[in-house]
Amino acid sequence: MEELLIENKPLVSPHRWLKRLLIGVFVILIFLIVISASVWGYITLYQNRVYPGVQVGGYGLGGLSAIELKSFIENLNNRYSKEGLKLFVVNSPRSDNSAIINTLTGGENAVEVVKLDSELLVNRALRLGRSGTWWENIVQPIKIRFSPLRIDAPAMVNEVILHDLLVSTLHPWEDGYRNAEVQVVQVGTGEIKITPEKSGFAFQYENIINSIKHSLSQLSFVAIPIKLENFSPTVTAADVSTLLPNAVNMLNAGSIIFTATSTATTMTPPEWKLSPADLAAMLTVERNEEGIVIFSLDKDQAIKYINKTIRPWVDVAAKDAKFSIVDNKMEEFQVSRDGQEVNAEATYDELKNVFDARNFAVATGDSIIPIVIDVVISAIKNTDVALLNITEVIGAGTSTFKDSHTNRIKNIANAVKRLNGILIAPGEVFSANKSAGPYTSANGFLPEQVIKGREITKEIGGGMCQIGTTLFRMAMNSGMEITERHNHSLVVAYYADPVNRNPGTDATLYEPLLDLKFLNDTGNYLLLITEINYKKQMLTFTLWGKSDGRSGSYTHPLVSRWIPYPSETQYVAQTNGTLKVGSMSCQAAFRGAVASFKYSRVTPDGEKIDRVFDSYYRPLPKICTIGVDPATCPKGSPCVVTSSTVNVAPAVTQ
């Protein structure tokens, strides 16, 4: 009995267990405090900086601030502008296999065809580890550090211009294929000449553009491999020969007549008849969906006919109701009117269906083709006048175009006229390009000096950045939310701040890549009134509406760093005859800059929202274009020129 009591006696007292428990809890608390402090310190250390472990291509972005990351990306943009895109033809039929696409082209101030979007990358990189729940915002930064996160760099690519550059650069490598083609020799007899088919090699440009996008997303400067594809014709001369007996019927059996069922002008003739000669000019051969080779009509030629012959008579532009301000009162000066326009694609489809049917049945009588017309509804009706609620000035912006060339002033005046009276609906995002453009000769715009690649040339619509800058300042003074704005590539005197003459408050326009946009979130219509003062050489844009208590202002821009331009002059050969052989025309050098300013707007609720606009302007050396006889240039290689090439006329600074 005594022995049992000894065995059941507690080996450790309850007090000692409690003591051990408290020590364990204390150790765990200390551990948690240390971990929490470490995490908090880590997050604080990288406040407003990219977390370590974030990578793009072979570059680590960890530790970079927004300004540092933007400067890093803009330096890469500089390299792309200077070096271009390097391509490598993996199966080149020529002795050389490399090509360079110049990415700096177009626009008033050397807009890039491809450009890394530094602002979007900065926002994307800084949001990593900060955009989740509170728990994710604690765990993600640590996870990213030990398990690197690779992201793609966003890029802006003007695919239309890039495609044209690729075609012009890579065409010498191609040995293009073609189907058998036909040419009508005698319309009345249906005599046709057949051009035989030909196999060949060509590039798939869509694939090349996708490869370029991928290379840009990885910040790569390695030559991009591209390859020629083997193409075989789908229509042969033997196929066409079987169609020849039907040629006369295709061209001469019955008339094909276009009719317009609805027009907005009494000048419109009732019909347009396609003559056999017209059809002969469009005639082609193709293999239809059933695999049968037939005569058909070339789409490009047919649409060219529609646009040239029919569209000028049928198209009528829609007109919105517009208003002017006279003695602080709003008066209607243009009534609304719906418009119409030819749908060339749909009209061609109607024409093609009728013509293709002639391959299988002899046409009897005339064939009537309805012209497909789309109605263009005017956005603002006269009946809406009472609902617009436009009573006062919301804000205004100014800029000077002093010392501008004649064509530049005419382009600016044309855009001013096109913008005057524009109504911006509630909730609408105003687009400068949409409202003032498109910048074409058909819309009255003239060619003006621009920097295009490494050449000094002219382009339709030069001067539109004056419009973008004035609109930008007006929108900020009106307290609007800016949804898109891009600074110029170069520091240009036209857009300097009127007080301290620094760059920074400018906005460039270059359709379709770069735009100036702002949101009308006032809940009412806004009216844009534009004014050009030739004596003062000044633009004033005013935004009218109904005040909701908001306000906006911006500081004078500050330059944190001026970047010297390269001292060495660049020389470019001009072989198209624009310059006389031996003469030289020079573009002055531009120094670069890093500038910023703060835009402050107060909402109707009294909330103050500050936004810093950072602008990076690249330096550009003096560029001189020299007229060169193309016969003196080595075949297959760039034509290299120096200042010693000039032997006729002295340099003229543009």
Foldseek 3Di string as FASTA:
>chain_A
DVVVVVVPDDPDDPVVVVVVVVVVVVVVVVVVVVVVVVLVVQCVQQVQAFFFQEAFQPDTRHPHHLVRQLVVQVVLQVVCQVFAAKAAAPDFPDPGGIFGQRQFFDFFFGDGQKGFDSVVVSVVRVCQLPVDPPVSVSPRSVVSNVNHDYWFTDMFHNLVVVLVSCCVTCVVRWPDWDDWKWAQPDLQVLDIDIDFTGKIWDFPVVVVVVQVRRCVRRSHRDHGYTYIDTDGYLHGPVLVVVQSVLRNLLQPQAWEKEAEPDADDPPADGIDIQHSVLQSVQWTWDQDPVRHIFIFGHLVSQLVCCVVPPFVRGWDDWDAFFWDADPQDIDTDDATDKTKTFPSVVQRVQVRVVSRCSSPDRDHYHHYGYTDMDIGGHPHHPVCVVVQQWRFFLFKFKFFPPPPDPLLVQLVVLLLVQQARDKAFAFHKDWSCVRRDDQDVVSPWDWDWHCGSLDIDTDTRNNCQNVQLRVQQRCQQNQWAWPFFADRQFDDQRNADPPPRHDDSTGTDDPPRGITITTRNVNHMKTWHWDADPVRRMIMIIITGDDLQKGKDKDHKDWPDKAAADADEAEAEDAPPPDDAQAKEKEAWTIKTKMKMKMWMADSVRDIDIDMGIHTHHTYHMRMYHYHHVVPADPPDGRDDDNVRHDDDYYHYD
